[in-house]
Structures are given as C-alpha cells and as structure tokens.
mmCIF file of all heavy atoms, coordinates in Angstrom:
data_MODEL
# 
_entry.id   MODEL 
# 
loop_
_atom_site.group_PDB 
_atom_site.id 
_atom_site.type_symbol 
_atom_site.label_atom_id 
_atom_site.label_alt_id 
_atom_site.label_comp_id 
_atom_site.label_asym_id 
_atom_site.label_entity_id 
_atom_site.label_seq_id 
_atom_site.pdbx_PDB_ins_code 
_atom_site.Cartn_x 
_atom_site.Cartn_y 
_atom_site.Cartn_z 
_atom_site.occupancy 
_atom_site.B_iso_or_equiv 
_atom_site.pdbx_formal_charge 
_atom_site.auth_seq_id 
_atom_site.auth_comp_id 
_atom_site.auth_asym_id 
_atom_site.auth_atom_id 
_atom_site.pdbx_PDB_model_num 
ATOM 1   N N   . GLY A 1 1  ? -138.254 31.663 93.564 1.00 0.00 ? 1  GLY A N   1 
ATOM 2   C CA  . GLY A 1 1  ? -139.611 32.062 93.963 1.00 0.00 ? 1  GLY A CA  1 
ATOM 3   C C   . GLY A 1 1  ? -139.673 33.569 94.061 1.00 0.00 ? 1  GLY A C   1 
ATOM 4   O O   . GLY A 1 1  ? -138.696 34.244 93.786 1.00 0.00 ? 1  GLY A O   1 
ATOM 5   N N   . PRO A 1 2  ? -140.874 34.030 94.461 1.00 0.00 ? 2  PRO A N   1 
ATOM 6   C CA  . PRO A 1 2  ? -140.987 35.495 94.547 1.00 0.00 ? 2  PRO A CA  1 
ATOM 7   C C   . PRO A 1 2  ? -139.996 36.037 95.578 1.00 0.00 ? 2  PRO A C   1 
ATOM 8   O O   . PRO A 1 2  ? -140.015 35.630 96.717 1.00 0.00 ? 2  PRO A O   1 
ATOM 9   C CB  . PRO A 1 2  ? -142.443 35.678 95.002 1.00 0.00 ? 2  PRO A CB  1 
ATOM 10  C CG  . PRO A 1 2  ? -143.148 34.406 94.624 1.00 0.00 ? 2  PRO A CG  1 
ATOM 11  C CD  . PRO A 1 2  ? -142.127 33.321 94.752 1.00 0.00 ? 2  PRO A CD  1 
ATOM 12  N N   . GLY A 1 3  ? -139.154 36.909 95.102 1.00 0.00 ? 3  GLY A N   1 
ATOM 13  C CA  . GLY A 1 3  ? -138.178 37.550 95.967 1.00 0.00 ? 3  GLY A CA  1 
ATOM 14  C C   . GLY A 1 3  ? -136.941 36.723 96.249 1.00 0.00 ? 3  GLY A C   1 
ATOM 15  O O   . GLY A 1 3  ? -136.036 37.159 96.961 1.00 0.00 ? 3  GLY A O   1 
ATOM 16  N N   . GLY A 1 4  ? -136.819 35.488 95.730 1.00 0.00 ? 4  GLY A N   1 
ATOM 17  C CA  . GLY A 1 4  ? -135.682 34.595 95.945 1.00 0.00 ? 4  GLY A CA  1 
ATOM 18  C C   . GLY A 1 4  ? -134.625 34.680 94.856 1.00 0.00 ? 4  GLY A C   1 
ATOM 19  O O   . GLY A 1 4  ? -134.908 35.188 93.762 1.00 0.00 ? 4  GLY A O   1 
ATOM 20  N N   . PRO A 1 5  ? -133.398 34.214 95.097 1.00 0.00 ? 5  PRO A N   1 
ATOM 21  C CA  . PRO A 1 5  ? -132.318 34.254 94.042 1.00 0.00 ? 5  PRO A CA  1 
ATOM 22  C C   . PRO A 1 5  ? -132.620 33.253 92.918 1.00 0.00 ? 5  PRO A C   1 
ATOM 23  O O   . PRO A 1 5  ? -133.239 32.217 93.157 1.00 0.00 ? 5  PRO A O   1 
ATOM 24  C CB  . PRO A 1 5  ? -131.074 33.868 94.822 1.00 0.00 ? 5  PRO A CB  1 
ATOM 25  C CG  . PRO A 1 5  ? -131.570 33.028 95.962 1.00 0.00 ? 5  PRO A CG  1 
ATOM 26  C CD  . PRO A 1 5  ? -132.919 33.596 96.351 1.00 0.00 ? 5  PRO A CD  1 
ATOM 27  N N   . PRO A 1 6  ? -132.208 33.595 91.701 1.00 0.00 ? 6  PRO A N   1 
ATOM 28  C CA  . PRO A 1 6  ? -132.431 32.640 90.563 1.00 0.00 ? 6  PRO A CA  1 
ATOM 29  C C   . PRO A 1 6  ? -131.529 31.426 90.716 1.00 0.00 ? 6  PRO A C   1 
ATOM 30  O O   . PRO A 1 6  ? -130.507 31.471 91.356 1.00 0.00 ? 6  PRO A O   1 
ATOM 31  C CB  . PRO A 1 6  ? -132.047 33.485 89.353 1.00 0.00 ? 6  PRO A CB  1 
ATOM 32  C CG  . PRO A 1 6  ? -131.043 34.450 89.856 1.00 0.00 ? 6  PRO A CG  1 
ATOM 33  C CD  . PRO A 1 6  ? -131.493 34.792 91.264 1.00 0.00 ? 6  PRO A CD  1 
ATOM 34  N N   . PRO A 1 7  ? -131.921 30.333 90.100 1.00 0.00 ? 7  PRO A N   1 
ATOM 35  C CA  . PRO A 1 7  ? -131.085 29.119 90.169 1.00 0.00 ? 7  PRO A CA  1 
ATOM 36  C C   . PRO A 1 7  ? -129.738 29.354 89.492 1.00 0.00 ? 7  PRO A C   1 
ATOM 37  O O   . PRO A 1 7  ? -129.644 30.076 88.451 1.00 0.00 ? 7  PRO A O   1 
ATOM 38  C CB  . PRO A 1 7  ? -131.900 28.083 89.421 1.00 0.00 ? 7  PRO A CB  1 
ATOM 39  C CG  . PRO A 1 7  ? -132.821 28.859 88.540 1.00 0.00 ? 7  PRO A CG  1 
ATOM 40  C CD  . PRO A 1 7  ? -133.121 30.131 89.284 1.00 0.00 ? 7  PRO A CD  1 
ATOM 41  N N   . PRO A 1 8  ? -128.632 28.808 89.997 1.00 0.00 ? 8  PRO A N   1 
ATOM 42  C CA  . PRO A 1 8  ? -127.314 29.015 89.354 1.00 0.00 ? 8  PRO A CA  1 
ATOM 43  C C   . PRO A 1 8  ? -127.195 28.338 87.992 1.00 0.00 ? 8  PRO A C   1 
ATOM 44  O O   . PRO A 1 8  ? -127.796 27.310 87.765 1.00 0.00 ? 8  PRO A O   1 
ATOM 45  C CB  . PRO A 1 8  ? -126.355 28.387 90.384 1.00 0.00 ? 8  PRO A CB  1 
ATOM 46  C CG  . PRO A 1 8  ? -127.198 27.373 91.070 1.00 0.00 ? 8  PRO A CG  1 
ATOM 47  C CD  . PRO A 1 8  ? -128.571 27.922 91.151 1.00 0.00 ? 8  PRO A CD  1 
ATOM 48  N N   . GLU A 1 9  ? -126.400 28.991 87.110 1.00 0.00 ? 9  GLU A N   1 
ATOM 49  C CA  . GLU A 1 9  ? -126.158 28.423 85.772 1.00 0.00 ? 9  GLU A CA  1 
ATOM 50  C C   . GLU A 1 9  ? -125.000 27.428 85.868 1.00 0.00 ? 9  GLU A C   1 
ATOM 51  O O   . GLU A 1 9  ? -123.988 27.706 86.499 1.00 0.00 ? 9  GLU A O   1 
ATOM 52  C CB  . GLU A 1 9  ? -125.817 29.542 84.787 1.00 0.00 ? 9  GLU A CB  1 
ATOM 53  C CG  . GLU A 1 9  ? -127.004 30.499 84.535 1.00 0.00 ? 9  GLU A CG  1 
ATOM 54  C CD  . GLU A 1 9  ? -126.620 31.516 83.485 1.00 0.00 ? 9  GLU A CD  1 
ATOM 55  O OE1 . GLU A 1 9  ? -125.462 31.481 83.016 1.00 0.00 ? 9  GLU A OE1 1 
ATOM 56  O OE2 . GLU A 1 9  ? -127.483 32.371 83.147 1.00 0.00 ? 9  GLU A OE2 1 
ATOM 57  N N   . VAL A 1 10 ? -125.163 26.310 85.217 1.00 0.00 ? 10 VAL A N   1 
ATOM 58  C CA  . VAL A 1 10 ? -124.154 25.213 85.215 1.00 0.00 ? 10 VAL A CA  1 
ATOM 59  C C   . VAL A 1 10 ? -123.683 25.000 83.785 1.00 0.00 ? 10 VAL A C   1 
ATOM 60  O O   . VAL A 1 10 ? -124.509 24.757 82.899 1.00 0.00 ? 10 VAL A O   1 
ATOM 61  C CB  . VAL A 1 10 ? -124.707 23.959 85.813 1.00 0.00 ? 10 VAL A CB  1 
ATOM 62  C CG1 . VAL A 1 10 ? -123.650 22.868 85.812 1.00 0.00 ? 10 VAL A CG1 1 
ATOM 63  C CG2 . VAL A 1 10 ? -125.210 24.208 87.241 1.00 0.00 ? 10 VAL A CG2 1 
ATOM 64  N N   . ALA A 1 11 ? -122.330 25.159 83.511 1.00 0.00 ? 11 ALA A N   1 
ATOM 65  C CA  . ALA A 1 11 ? -121.763 24.860 82.201 1.00 0.00 ? 11 ALA A CA  1 
ATOM 66  C C   . ALA A 1 11 ? -121.636 23.364 81.973 1.00 0.00 ? 11 ALA A C   1 
ATOM 67  O O   . ALA A 1 11 ? -121.130 22.661 82.846 1.00 0.00 ? 11 ALA A O   1 
ATOM 68  C CB  . ALA A 1 11 ? -120.416 25.549 82.036 1.00 0.00 ? 11 ALA A CB  1 
ATOM 69  N N   . VAL A 1 12 ? -122.026 22.890 80.819 1.00 0.00 ? 12 VAL A N   1 
ATOM 70  C CA  . VAL A 1 12 ? -121.996 21.467 80.524 1.00 0.00 ? 12 VAL A CA  1 
ATOM 71  C C   . VAL A 1 12 ? -121.150 21.298 79.250 1.00 0.00 ? 12 VAL A C   1 
ATOM 72  O O   . VAL A 1 12 ? -121.352 22.007 78.262 1.00 0.00 ? 12 VAL A O   1 
ATOM 73  C CB  . VAL A 1 12 ? -123.412 20.916 80.288 1.00 0.00 ? 12 VAL A CB  1 
ATOM 74  C CG1 . VAL A 1 12 ? -123.350 19.445 79.948 1.00 0.00 ? 12 VAL A CG1 1 
ATOM 75  C CG2 . VAL A 1 12 ? -124.245 21.128 81.525 1.00 0.00 ? 12 VAL A CG2 1 
ATOM 76  N N   . ALA A 1 13 ? -120.117 20.365 79.290 1.00 0.00 ? 13 ALA A N   1 
ATOM 77  C CA  . ALA A 1 13 ? -119.283 20.069 78.152 1.00 0.00 ? 13 ALA A CA  1 
ATOM 78  C C   . ALA A 1 13 ? -119.423 18.613 77.821 1.00 0.00 ? 13 ALA A C   1 
ATOM 79  O O   . ALA A 1 13 ? -119.418 17.762 78.726 1.00 0.00 ? 13 ALA A O   1 
ATOM 80  C CB  . ALA A 1 13 ? -117.845 20.415 78.425 1.00 0.00 ? 13 ALA A CB  1 
ATOM 81  N N   . LYS A 1 14 ? -119.487 18.314 76.550 1.00 0.00 ? 14 LYS A N   1 
ATOM 82  C CA  . LYS A 1 14 ? -119.580 16.927 76.080 1.00 0.00 ? 14 LYS A CA  1 
ATOM 83  C C   . LYS A 1 14 ? -118.201 16.326 75.855 1.00 0.00 ? 14 LYS A C   1 
ATOM 84  O O   . LYS A 1 14 ? -117.398 16.944 75.141 1.00 0.00 ? 14 LYS A O   1 
ATOM 85  C CB  . LYS A 1 14 ? -120.386 16.849 74.789 1.00 0.00 ? 14 LYS A CB  1 
ATOM 86  C CG  . LYS A 1 14 ? -120.629 15.416 74.347 1.00 0.00 ? 14 LYS A CG  1 
ATOM 87  C CD  . LYS A 1 14 ? -121.464 15.405 73.051 1.00 0.00 ? 14 LYS A CD  1 
ATOM 88  C CE  . LYS A 1 14 ? -121.712 13.970 72.614 1.00 0.00 ? 14 LYS A CE  1 
ATOM 89  N NZ  . LYS A 1 14 ? -122.487 13.901 71.345 1.00 0.00 ? 14 LYS A NZ  1 
ATOM 90  N N   . LEU A 1 15 ? -117.879 15.244 76.501 1.00 0.00 ? 15 LEU A N   1 
ATOM 91  C CA  . LEU A 1 15 ? -116.572 14.627 76.383 1.00 0.00 ? 15 LEU A CA  1 
ATOM 92  C C   . LEU A 1 15 ? -116.482 13.743 75.164 1.00 0.00 ? 15 LEU A C   1 
ATOM 93  O O   . LEU A 1 15 ? -117.377 12.927 74.933 1.00 0.00 ? 15 LEU A O   1 
ATOM 94  C CB  . LEU A 1 15 ? -116.256 13.803 77.663 1.00 0.00 ? 15 LEU A CB  1 
ATOM 95  C CG  . LEU A 1 15 ? -116.203 14.566 78.981 1.00 0.00 ? 15 LEU A CG  1 
ATOM 96  C CD1 . LEU A 1 15 ? -115.916 13.624 80.131 1.00 0.00 ? 15 LEU A CD1 1 
ATOM 97  C CD2 . LEU A 1 15 ? -115.152 15.643 78.913 1.00 0.00 ? 15 LEU A CD2 1 
ATOM 98  N N   . THR A 1 16 ? -115.428 13.936 74.366 1.00 0.00 ? 16 THR A N   1 
ATOM 99  C CA  . THR A 1 16 ? -115.208 13.101 73.176 1.00 0.00 ? 16 THR A CA  1 
ATOM 100 C C   . THR A 1 16 ? -113.796 12.595 73.190 1.00 0.00 ? 16 THR A C   1 
ATOM 101 O O   . THR A 1 16 ? -112.900 13.164 73.859 1.00 0.00 ? 16 THR A O   1 
ATOM 102 C CB  . THR A 1 16 ? -115.460 13.901 71.880 1.00 0.00 ? 16 THR A CB  1 
ATOM 103 O OG1 . THR A 1 16 ? -114.564 15.036 71.883 1.00 0.00 ? 16 THR A OG1 1 
ATOM 104 C CG2 . THR A 1 16 ? -116.903 14.411 71.816 1.00 0.00 ? 16 THR A CG2 1 
ATOM 105 N N   . THR A 1 17 ? -113.479 11.561 72.471 1.00 0.00 ? 17 THR A N   1 
ATOM 106 C CA  . THR A 1 17 ? -112.115 10.977 72.329 1.00 0.00 ? 17 THR A CA  1 
ATOM 107 C C   . THR A 1 17 ? -111.680 11.077 70.886 1.00 0.00 ? 17 THR A C   1 
ATOM 108 O O   . THR A 1 17 ? -112.480 10.828 69.946 1.00 0.00 ? 17 THR A O   1 
ATOM 109 C CB  . THR A 1 17 ? -112.107 9.526  72.808 1.00 0.00 ? 17 THR A CB  1 
ATOM 110 O OG1 . THR A 1 17 ? -113.028 8.756  72.018 1.00 0.00 ? 17 THR A OG1 1 
ATOM 111 C CG2 . THR A 1 17 ? -112.504 9.403  74.298 1.00 0.00 ? 17 THR A CG2 1 
ATOM 112 N N   . GLU A 1 18 ? -110.382 11.397 70.670 1.00 0.00 ? 18 GLU A N   1 
ATOM 113 C CA  . GLU A 1 18 ? -109.807 11.427 69.325 1.00 0.00 ? 18 GLU A CA  1 
ATOM 114 C C   . GLU A 1 18 ? -108.308 11.265 69.458 1.00 0.00 ? 18 GLU A C   1 
ATOM 115 O O   . GLU A 1 18 ? -107.698 11.470 70.490 1.00 0.00 ? 18 GLU A O   1 
ATOM 116 C CB  . GLU A 1 18 ? -110.131 12.750 68.635 1.00 0.00 ? 18 GLU A CB  1 
ATOM 117 C CG  . GLU A 1 18 ? -109.608 13.973 69.336 1.00 0.00 ? 18 GLU A CG  1 
ATOM 118 C CD  . GLU A 1 18 ? -109.952 15.293 68.631 1.00 0.00 ? 18 GLU A CD  1 
ATOM 119 O OE1 . GLU A 1 18 ? -110.657 15.213 67.588 1.00 0.00 ? 18 GLU A OE1 1 
ATOM 120 O OE2 . GLU A 1 18 ? -109.510 16.338 69.104 1.00 0.00 ? 18 GLU A OE2 1 
ATOM 121 N N   . LYS A 1 19 ? -107.655 10.897 68.321 1.00 0.00 ? 19 LYS A N   1 
ATOM 122 C CA  . LYS A 1 19 ? -106.204 10.696 68.269 1.00 0.00 ? 19 LYS A CA  1 
ATOM 123 C C   . LYS A 1 19 ? -105.515 12.042 68.122 1.00 0.00 ? 19 LYS A C   1 
ATOM 124 O O   . LYS A 1 19 ? -105.905 12.853 67.286 1.00 0.00 ? 19 LYS A O   1 
ATOM 125 C CB  . LYS A 1 19 ? -105.811 9.789  67.144 1.00 0.00 ? 19 LYS A CB  1 
ATOM 126 C CG  . LYS A 1 19 ? -106.285 8.327  67.306 1.00 0.00 ? 19 LYS A CG  1 
ATOM 127 C CD  . LYS A 1 19 ? -105.824 7.468  66.184 1.00 0.00 ? 19 LYS A CD  1 
ATOM 128 C CE  . LYS A 1 19 ? -106.257 6.039  66.348 1.00 0.00 ? 19 LYS A CE  1 
ATOM 129 N NZ  . LYS A 1 19 ? -105.777 5.156  65.244 1.00 0.00 ? 19 LYS A NZ  1 
ATOM 130 N N   . VAL A 1 20 ? -104.441 12.263 68.907 1.00 0.00 ? 20 VAL A N   1 
ATOM 131 C CA  . VAL A 1 20 ? -103.702 13.515 68.896 1.00 0.00 ? 20 VAL A CA  1 
ATOM 132 C C   . VAL A 1 20 ? -102.227 13.216 68.599 1.00 0.00 ? 20 VAL A C   1 
ATOM 133 O O   . VAL A 1 20 ? -101.638 12.343 69.270 1.00 0.00 ? 20 VAL A O   1 
ATOM 134 C CB  . VAL A 1 20 ? -103.824 14.268 70.255 1.00 0.00 ? 20 VAL A CB  1 
ATOM 135 C CG1 . VAL A 1 20 ? -102.992 15.527 70.184 1.00 0.00 ? 20 VAL A CG1 1 
ATOM 136 C CG2 . VAL A 1 20 ? -105.273 14.597 70.542 1.00 0.00 ? 20 VAL A CG2 1 
ATOM 137 N N   . THR A 1 21 ? -101.640 13.906 67.622 1.00 0.00 ? 21 THR A N   1 
ATOM 138 C CA  . THR A 1 21 ? -100.215 13.728 67.272 1.00 0.00 ? 21 THR A CA  1 
ATOM 139 C C   . THR A 1 21 ? -99.381  14.694 68.084 1.00 0.00 ? 21 THR A C   1 
ATOM 140 O O   . THR A 1 21 ? -99.584  15.918 67.984 1.00 0.00 ? 21 THR A O   1 
ATOM 141 C CB  . THR A 1 21 ? -99.984  13.955 65.762 1.00 0.00 ? 21 THR A CB  1 
ATOM 142 O OG1 . THR A 1 21 ? -100.779 13.025 65.034 1.00 0.00 ? 21 THR A OG1 1 
ATOM 143 C CG2 . THR A 1 21 ? -98.510  13.732 65.416 1.00 0.00 ? 21 THR A CG2 1 
ATOM 144 N N   . VAL A 1 22 ? -98.446  14.173 68.839 1.00 0.00 ? 22 VAL A N   1 
ATOM 145 C CA  . VAL A 1 22 ? -97.542  15.038 69.629 1.00 0.00 ? 22 VAL A CA  1 
ATOM 146 C C   . VAL A 1 22 ? -96.316  15.364 68.800 1.00 0.00 ? 22 VAL A C   1 
ATOM 147 O O   . VAL A 1 22 ? -95.646  14.446 68.283 1.00 0.00 ? 22 VAL A O   1 
ATOM 148 C CB  . VAL A 1 22 ? -97.128  14.328 70.944 1.00 0.00 ? 22 VAL A CB  1 
ATOM 149 C CG1 . VAL A 1 22 ? -96.205  15.181 71.763 1.00 0.00 ? 22 VAL A CG1 1 
ATOM 150 C CG2 . VAL A 1 22 ? -98.392  13.928 71.740 1.00 0.00 ? 22 VAL A CG2 1 
ATOM 151 N N   . PHE A 1 23 ? -95.982  16.627 68.680 1.00 0.00 ? 23 PHE A N   1 
ATOM 152 C CA  . PHE A 1 23 ? -94.811  17.012 67.858 1.00 0.00 ? 23 PHE A CA  1 
ATOM 153 C C   . PHE A 1 23 ? -94.095  18.167 68.566 1.00 0.00 ? 23 PHE A C   1 
ATOM 154 O O   . PHE A 1 23 ? -94.660  18.871 69.402 1.00 0.00 ? 23 PHE A O   1 
ATOM 155 C CB  . PHE A 1 23 ? -95.223  17.433 66.427 1.00 0.00 ? 23 PHE A CB  1 
ATOM 156 C CG  . PHE A 1 23 ? -96.078  18.666 66.397 1.00 0.00 ? 23 PHE A CG  1 
ATOM 157 C CD1 . PHE A 1 23 ? -95.525  19.903 66.265 1.00 0.00 ? 23 PHE A CD1 1 
ATOM 158 C CD2 . PHE A 1 23 ? -97.473  18.549 66.517 1.00 0.00 ? 23 PHE A CD2 1 
ATOM 159 C CE1 . PHE A 1 23 ? -96.307  21.054 66.207 1.00 0.00 ? 23 PHE A CE1 1 
ATOM 160 C CE2 . PHE A 1 23 ? -98.237  19.673 66.489 1.00 0.00 ? 23 PHE A CE2 1 
ATOM 161 C CZ  . PHE A 1 23 ? -97.682  20.941 66.344 1.00 0.00 ? 23 PHE A CZ  1 
ATOM 162 N N   . GLU A 1 24 ? -92.790  18.336 68.182 1.00 0.00 ? 24 GLU A N   1 
ATOM 163 C CA  . GLU A 1 24 ? -91.980  19.432 68.711 1.00 0.00 ? 24 GLU A CA  1 
ATOM 164 C C   . GLU A 1 24 ? -91.283  20.127 67.550 1.00 0.00 ? 24 GLU A C   1 
ATOM 165 O O   . GLU A 1 24 ? -90.951  19.502 66.566 1.00 0.00 ? 24 GLU A O   1 
ATOM 166 C CB  . GLU A 1 24 ? -90.946  18.895 69.714 1.00 0.00 ? 24 GLU A CB  1 
ATOM 167 C CG  . GLU A 1 24 ? -91.537  18.307 70.977 1.00 0.00 ? 24 GLU A CG  1 
ATOM 168 C CD  . GLU A 1 24 ? -90.503  17.788 71.938 1.00 0.00 ? 24 GLU A CD  1 
ATOM 169 O OE1 . GLU A 1 24 ? -89.327  17.830 71.566 1.00 0.00 ? 24 GLU A OE1 1 
ATOM 170 O OE2 . GLU A 1 24 ? -90.894  17.345 73.036 1.00 0.00 ? 24 GLU A OE2 1 
ATOM 171 N N   . GLU A 1 25 ? -91.038  21.404 67.706 1.00 0.00 ? 25 GLU A N   1 
ATOM 172 C CA  . GLU A 1 25 ? -90.350  22.207 66.655 1.00 0.00 ? 25 GLU A CA  1 
ATOM 173 C C   . GLU A 1 25 ? -88.967  22.596 67.120 1.00 0.00 ? 25 GLU A C   1 
ATOM 174 O O   . GLU A 1 25 ? -88.770  22.986 68.275 1.00 0.00 ? 25 GLU A O   1 
ATOM 175 C CB  . GLU A 1 25 ? -91.189  23.474 66.379 1.00 0.00 ? 25 GLU A CB  1 
ATOM 176 C CG  . GLU A 1 25 ? -92.584  23.190 65.747 1.00 0.00 ? 25 GLU A CG  1 
ATOM 177 C CD  . GLU A 1 25 ? -93.310  24.446 65.407 1.00 0.00 ? 25 GLU A CD  1 
ATOM 178 O OE1 . GLU A 1 25 ? -92.744  25.535 65.693 1.00 0.00 ? 25 GLU A OE1 1 
ATOM 179 O OE2 . GLU A 1 25 ? -94.411  24.380 64.854 1.00 0.00 ? 25 GLU A OE2 1 
ATOM 180 N N   . TYR A 1 26 ? -88.013  22.477 66.172 1.00 0.00 ? 26 TYR A N   1 
ATOM 181 C CA  . TYR A 1 26 ? -86.628  22.841 66.468 1.00 0.00 ? 26 TYR A CA  1 
ATOM 182 C C   . TYR A 1 26 ? -86.116  23.684 65.293 1.00 0.00 ? 26 TYR A C   1 
ATOM 183 O O   . TYR A 1 26 ? -86.566  23.553 64.172 1.00 0.00 ? 26 TYR A O   1 
ATOM 184 C CB  . TYR A 1 26 ? -85.748  21.612 66.651 1.00 0.00 ? 26 TYR A CB  1 
ATOM 185 C CG  . TYR A 1 26 ? -86.139  20.734 67.808 1.00 0.00 ? 26 TYR A CG  1 
ATOM 186 C CD1 . TYR A 1 26 ? -86.991  19.648 67.645 1.00 0.00 ? 26 TYR A CD1 1 
ATOM 187 C CD2 . TYR A 1 26 ? -85.637  20.974 69.073 1.00 0.00 ? 26 TYR A CD2 1 
ATOM 188 C CE1 . TYR A 1 26 ? -87.342  18.842 68.690 1.00 0.00 ? 26 TYR A CE1 1 
ATOM 189 C CE2 . TYR A 1 26 ? -85.991  20.162 70.153 1.00 0.00 ? 26 TYR A CE2 1 
ATOM 190 C CZ  . TYR A 1 26 ? -86.834  19.117 69.925 1.00 0.00 ? 26 TYR A CZ  1 
ATOM 191 O OH  . TYR A 1 26 ? -87.194  18.294 71.000 1.00 0.00 ? 26 TYR A OH  1 
ATOM 192 N N   . VAL A 1 27 ? -85.105  24.491 65.602 1.00 0.00 ? 27 VAL A N   1 
ATOM 193 C CA  . VAL A 1 27 ? -84.376  25.246 64.563 1.00 0.00 ? 27 VAL A CA  1 
ATOM 194 C C   . VAL A 1 27 ? -83.160  24.442 64.132 1.00 0.00 ? 27 VAL A C   1 
ATOM 195 O O   . VAL A 1 27 ? -82.336  24.085 64.984 1.00 0.00 ? 27 VAL A O   1 
ATOM 196 C CB  . VAL A 1 27 ? -83.982  26.628 65.084 1.00 0.00 ? 27 VAL A CB  1 
ATOM 197 C CG1 . VAL A 1 27 ? -83.191  27.366 64.000 1.00 0.00 ? 27 VAL A CG1 1 
ATOM 198 C CG2 . VAL A 1 27 ? -85.190  27.422 65.483 1.00 0.00 ? 27 VAL A CG2 1 
ATOM 199 N N   . GLY A 1 28 ? -83.021  24.123 62.889 1.00 0.00 ? 28 GLY A N   1 
ATOM 200 C CA  . GLY A 1 28 ? -81.915  23.309 62.414 1.00 0.00 ? 28 GLY A CA  1 
ATOM 201 C C   . GLY A 1 28 ? -81.284  23.905 61.147 1.00 0.00 ? 28 GLY A C   1 
ATOM 202 O O   . GLY A 1 28 ? -81.760  24.930 60.625 1.00 0.00 ? 28 GLY A O   1 
ATOM 203 N N   . GLN A 1 29 ? -80.208  23.299 60.708 1.00 0.00 ? 29 GLN A N   1 
ATOM 204 C CA  . GLN A 1 29 ? -79.461  23.712 59.515 1.00 0.00 ? 29 GLN A CA  1 
ATOM 205 C C   . GLN A 1 29 ? -79.146  22.512 58.704 1.00 0.00 ? 29 GLN A C   1 
ATOM 206 O O   . GLN A 1 29 ? -78.628  21.510 59.205 1.00 0.00 ? 29 GLN A O   1 
ATOM 207 C CB  . GLN A 1 29 ? -78.203  24.454 59.923 1.00 0.00 ? 29 GLN A CB  1 
ATOM 208 C CG  . GLN A 1 29 ? -77.433  24.955 58.690 1.00 0.00 ? 29 GLN A CG  1 
ATOM 209 C CD  . GLN A 1 29 ? -76.189  25.746 59.116 1.00 0.00 ? 29 GLN A CD  1 
ATOM 210 O OE1 . GLN A 1 29 ? -75.947  25.955 60.298 1.00 0.00 ? 29 GLN A OE1 1 
ATOM 211 N NE2 . GLN A 1 29 ? -75.387  26.148 58.150 1.00 0.00 ? 29 GLN A NE2 1 
# 
C-alpha cells in the first residue's frame, strides 16, 4: 500500500523425475 513494503518475492521450481547413472572415475593401467 501507500508507504508500505512491497510483497516478498518467492522462487518457484518445478519438480521433475528422471533416471540418473551413478559412475566413478579411477586412474588405472
């Protein structure tokens, strides 16, 4: 309102699901 603080901004994220491959890296010979 006149002379009042503005409304706070709220971040919104859309949740999605997907397959993730877990891998590890090693140094070999």
